[in-house]
């Protein structure tokens, strides 16, 4: 029985029926049932683009019979405490991959925010995806003390990207930094090694190529940063 259960789990993972993703430090699992689906969601994430603006982005592989999308925001991971913050976002209803963005510019207080994506079908049914969460800090003002640096990845922008993206990270002191790009099979496709003589915020431009200079195919990739005992990771999507 255990072997049969394990085989079933492996089959789900290999066929893409189960897809796990991380949205700005928070993880969630999207379950896709068999048969024709109104929407096949392959990515949903949040990133801070300005001090008080959060960008929600999602990628669909196909859409059928959709009325549209709505964005909900809350201050906890409980869906019932969230509020609708968007108007109807019109879908493409195509079988090709589609990238959507929505900017939440109504953040007025510091704190952690949770977001859900609601896909509504033409027959009135719908599905909530998420949540993804993000921390917003509005306290930093000119002349105020510096915000402490924490060693780790910060943002990947744009994400999804094509053909390149900027990976931002911080180090709280001098030292060696290694940034590795993994594919979904857990294989390293590219590694960057850097030494920083001082603390600070740094950027790495990733051109979407492997260590041999070949362009990577569309898909989800993992960025893992290690510096001393500190390790952090985020996901990014290459969409062509």
Protein backbone atom coordinates (compact mmCIF):
# COMPACT_ATOMS: atom_id res chain seq x y z
CA UNK A 1 0.00 0.00 0.00
CA UNK A 2 2.83 2.41 0.87
CA UNK A 3 4.55 1.65 -2.44
CA UNK A 4 1.31 2.26 -4.36
CA UNK A 5 0.79 5.58 -2.54
CA UNK A 6 4.36 6.67 -3.26
CA UNK A 7 3.97 5.73 -6.92
CA UNK A 8 0.78 7.80 -7.11
CA UNK A 9 2.53 10.83 -5.59
CA UNK A 10 5.44 10.51 -8.02
CA UNK A 11 3.00 10.22 -10.93
CA UNK A 12 1.26 13.44 -9.86
CA UNK A 13 4.56 15.28 -9.64
CA UNK A 14 5.80 14.00 -12.99
CA UNK A 15 2.59 14.81 -14.86
CA UNK A 16 2.35 18.32 -13.46
CA UNK A 17 -0.89 17.62 -11.59
CA UNK A 18 0.67 19.06 -8.42
CA UNK A 19 2.66 22.28 -8.59
CA UNK A 20 4.33 23.93 -5.56
CA UNK A 21 5.58 27.52 -5.71
CA UNK A 22 6.93 30.24 -3.46
CA UNK A 23 5.67 33.82 -3.42
CA UNK A 24 8.16 36.24 -1.86
CA UNK A 25 9.15 33.97 0.97
CA UNK A 26 5.83 32.25 1.43
CA UNK A 27 5.01 28.82 -0.02
CA UNK A 28 1.76 27.42 -1.27
CA UNK A 29 0.51 24.45 -3.24
CA UNK A 30 -1.77 24.64 -6.23
CA UNK A 31 -3.64 21.43 -7.01
CA UNK A 32 -4.82 20.82 -10.55
CA UNK A 33 -7.40 18.11 -11.11
CA UNK A 34 -7.60 15.87 -14.15
CA UNK A 35 -9.56 16.83 -17.23
CA UNK A 36 -10.16 20.19 -18.88
CA UNK A 37 -9.75 23.06 -16.43
CA UNK A 38 -11.12 26.62 -16.70
CA UNK A 39 -7.61 27.89 -15.88
CA UNK A 40 -4.21 26.23 -15.48
CA UNK A 41 -2.20 28.47 -13.17
CA UNK A 42 1.56 27.91 -13.16
CA UNK A 43 2.70 30.93 -11.14
CA UNK A 44 1.25 33.46 -8.68
CA UNK A 45 3.55 35.79 -6.74
CA UNK A 46 3.96 39.19 -5.11
CA UNK A 47 6.87 41.64 -5.07
CA UNK A 48 7.49 45.13 -3.71
CA UNK A 49 8.08 47.55 -6.59
CA UNK A 50 7.90 50.81 -4.62
CA UNK A 51 7.81 51.57 -0.92
CA UNK A 52 4.01 51.42 -0.85
CA UNK A 53 3.19 49.46 -4.01
CA UNK A 54 2.94 45.70 -4.40
CA UNK A 55 2.91 44.02 -7.81
CA UNK A 56 0.91 40.81 -8.18
CA UNK A 57 1.76 38.66 -11.18
CA UNK A 58 0.48 35.33 -12.42
CA UNK A 59 1.01 33.05 -15.39
CA UNK A 60 -1.60 30.78 -16.93
CA UNK A 61 -0.91 27.96 -19.36
CA UNK A 62 -4.48 27.90 -20.69
CA UNK A 63 -7.90 29.44 -20.01
CA UNK A 64 -11.36 28.20 -20.97
CA UNK A 65 -14.74 29.77 -20.20
CA UNK A 66 -13.41 32.39 -17.79
CA UNK A 67 -15.34 35.55 -16.92
CA UNK A 68 -12.31 37.20 -15.32
CA UNK A 69 -10.01 37.62 -12.32
CA UNK A 70 -10.27 39.54 -9.04
CA UNK A 71 -7.62 40.34 -6.42
CA UNK A 72 -8.31 40.06 -2.68
CA UNK A 73 -6.08 41.45 0.08
CA UNK A 74 -6.01 40.76 3.82
CA UNK A 75 -3.87 41.23 6.91
CA UNK A 76 -3.90 37.53 7.80
CA UNK A 77 -3.81 34.21 5.99
CA UNK A 78 -7.53 33.70 6.64
CA UNK A 79 -9.45 34.25 3.41
CA UNK A 80 -12.67 35.35 5.15
CA UNK A 81 -10.89 38.43 6.54
CA UNK A 82 -9.79 39.68 3.12
CA UNK A 83 -11.36 42.38 0.94
CA UNK A 84 -11.79 42.78 -2.80
CA UNK A 85 -9.34 45.44 -4.07
CA UNK A 86 -9.56 45.15 -7.86
CA UNK A 87 -12.09 45.60 -10.59
CA UNK A 88 -12.66 42.81 -13.09
CA UNK A 89 -9.43 41.77 -14.84
CA UNK A 90 -10.44 40.53 -18.28
CA UNK A 91 -8.93 37.14 -19.30
CA UNK A 92 -7.64 36.14 -22.73
CA UNK A 93 -9.39 32.74 -22.77
CA UNK A 94 -6.72 31.23 -24.98
CA UNK A 95 -4.79 27.96 -24.91
CA UNK A 96 -1.44 29.80 -24.98
CA UNK A 97 0.64 30.96 -22.01
CA UNK A 98 -0.46 34.36 -20.66
CA UNK A 99 1.22 36.73 -18.19
CA UNK A 100 -0.85 39.10 -16.01
CA UNK A 101 0.13 41.87 -13.58
CA UNK A 102 -1.83 43.96 -11.10
CA UNK A 103 -0.29 46.77 -9.01
CA UNK A 104 -1.72 47.41 -5.56
CA UNK A 105 -0.93 51.09 -4.91
CA UNK A 106 -3.25 51.51 -1.92
CA UNK A 107 -0.88 50.40 0.86
CA UNK A 108 -1.05 52.97 3.68
CA UNK A 109 0.36 51.06 6.68
CA UNK A 110 3.37 48.89 7.37
CA UNK A 111 2.77 45.19 7.89
CA UNK A 112 2.44 41.82 6.21
CA UNK A 113 -0.19 41.58 3.51
CA UNK A 114 -1.79 38.46 2.06
CA UNK A 115 -3.19 38.23 -1.48
CA UNK A 116 -5.55 35.84 -3.22
CA UNK A 117 -6.32 35.54 -6.92
CA UNK A 118 -9.95 34.64 -7.67
CA UNK A 119 -10.74 33.20 -11.11
CA UNK A 120 -14.45 33.40 -11.95
CA UNK A 121 -15.99 31.24 -14.63
CA UNK A 122 -18.78 32.20 -17.02
CA UNK A 123 -21.21 29.90 -15.19
CA UNK A 124 -20.66 31.76 -11.90
CA UNK A 125 -18.33 29.23 -10.27
CA UNK A 126 -14.86 30.26 -9.21
CA UNK A 127 -11.59 29.29 -7.55
CA UNK A 128 -9.32 31.09 -5.06
CA UNK A 129 -5.56 30.76 -5.58
CA UNK A 130 -3.08 31.61 -2.85
CA UNK A 131 -2.41 33.22 -0.56
CA UNK A 132 0.96 34.78 -1.27
CA UNK A 133 2.29 37.29 1.24
CA UNK A 134 4.73 40.16 1.41
CA UNK A 135 6.11 42.46 4.12
CA UNK A 136 5.78 46.22 3.55
CA UNK A 137 7.73 48.78 5.61
CA UNK A 138 6.63 52.41 5.34
CA UNK A 139 8.59 53.63 8.36
CA UNK A 140 11.80 54.58 6.55
CA UNK A 141 11.93 58.35 6.10
CA UNK A 142 14.75 60.67 4.96
CA UNK A 143 17.12 61.31 7.84
CA UNK A 144 16.01 58.26 9.81
CA UNK A 145 18.52 55.59 10.91
CA UNK A 146 19.58 53.05 8.30
CA UNK A 147 17.46 49.92 8.08
CA UNK A 148 19.58 46.93 9.22
CA UNK A 149 20.77 44.70 6.39
CA UNK A 150 19.99 40.99 6.41
CA UNK A 151 22.00 38.58 4.32
CA UNK A 152 19.74 37.00 1.71
CA UNK A 153 17.84 37.40 -1.52
CA UNK A 154 15.55 40.42 -1.79
CA UNK A 155 13.75 40.71 -5.13
CA UNK A 156 13.86 39.27 -8.62
CA UNK A 157 12.54 41.75 -11.14
CA UNK A 158 11.02 41.33 -13.61
CA UNK A 159 9.54 37.96 -12.66
CA UNK A 160 8.41 36.27 -14.90
CA UNK A 161 11.17 37.44 -17.23
CA UNK A 162 12.41 37.18 -20.81
CA UNK A 163 15.25 37.16 -21.65
CA UNK A 164 16.94 38.61 -18.52
CA UNK A 165 16.15 39.63 -14.96
CA UNK A 166 17.88 41.37 -12.04
CA UNK A 167 18.47 39.43 -8.83
CA UNK A 168 18.83 41.74 -5.83
CA UNK A 169 20.37 40.64 -2.53
CA UNK A 170 21.88 41.99 0.67
CA UNK A 171 24.90 41.08 2.78
CA UNK A 172 25.25 42.31 6.35
CA UNK A 173 29.04 42.11 6.27
CA UNK A 174 32.03 41.34 4.06
CA UNK A 175 32.31 37.83 2.69
CA UNK A 176 31.87 35.37 -0.14
CA UNK A 177 28.51 34.99 -1.86
CA UNK A 178 27.40 32.16 -4.13
CA UNK A 179 24.27 32.33 -6.25
CA UNK A 180 23.14 29.11 -7.92
CA UNK A 181 20.32 28.63 -10.43
CA UNK A 182 18.52 25.27 -10.30
CA UNK A 183 15.96 23.76 -12.64
CA UNK A 184 12.91 21.84 -11.39
CA UNK A 185 14.91 18.58 -11.48
CA UNK A 186 17.29 19.97 -8.86
CA UNK A 187 20.16 20.34 -11.34
CA UNK A 188 22.45 23.38 -11.19
CA UNK A 189 22.35 25.21 -14.52
CA UNK A 190 24.42 28.27 -13.56
CA UNK A 191 26.53 29.42 -10.59
CA UNK A 192 27.88 32.88 -9.77
CA UNK A 193 30.57 33.51 -7.13
CA UNK A 194 31.22 36.98 -5.75
CA UNK A 195 33.27 38.49 -2.95
CA UNK A 196 32.09 41.68 -1.25
CA UNK A 197 34.51 43.74 0.83
CA UNK A 198 31.71 45.64 2.57
CA UNK A 199 28.10 45.19 3.58
CA UNK A 200 25.39 46.52 1.28
CA UNK A 201 22.75 45.87 -1.36
CA UNK A 202 23.88 44.35 -4.65
CA UNK A 203 22.39 43.31 -7.99
CA UNK A 204 23.14 40.47 -10.36
CA UNK A 205 21.91 40.55 -13.95
CA UNK A 206 20.92 37.05 -15.04
CA UNK A 207 20.77 36.65 -18.82
CA UNK A 208 18.69 33.46 -18.87
CA UNK A 209 21.59 31.25 -20.03
CA UNK A 210 23.25 28.17 -18.55
CA UNK A 211 26.95 27.78 -17.73
CA UNK A 212 27.68 26.83 -21.36
CA UNK A 213 26.06 29.96 -22.75
CA UNK A 214 22.94 28.20 -24.01
CA UNK A 215 19.57 29.88 -23.57
CA UNK A 216 17.41 28.16 -20.99
CA UNK A 217 13.95 26.90 -21.88
CA UNK A 218 10.74 28.35 -20.44
CA UNK A 219 9.92 27.16 -16.95
CA UNK A 220 10.35 27.62 -13.22
CA UNK A 221 13.85 28.01 -11.77
CA UNK A 222 15.14 28.24 -8.20
CA UNK A 223 17.68 30.85 -7.12
CA UNK A 224 19.69 29.78 -4.05
CA UNK A 225 22.00 32.26 -2.33
CA UNK A 226 24.53 31.14 0.26
CA UNK A 227 26.94 33.27 2.29
CA UNK A 228 28.60 31.69 5.30
CA UNK A 229 25.85 29.92 7.23
CA UNK A 230 23.09 32.01 5.64
CA UNK A 231 21.03 30.42 2.86
CA UNK A 232 17.96 31.82 1.13
CA UNK A 233 16.04 30.96 -2.00
CA UNK A 234 13.35 32.28 -4.32
CA UNK A 235 11.63 31.08 -7.48
CA UNK A 236 11.58 32.79 -10.84
CA UNK A 237 9.80 32.04 -14.08
CA UNK A 238 11.40 32.25 -17.53
CA UNK A 239 8.58 32.82 -20.01
CA UNK A 240 9.27 32.97 -23.74
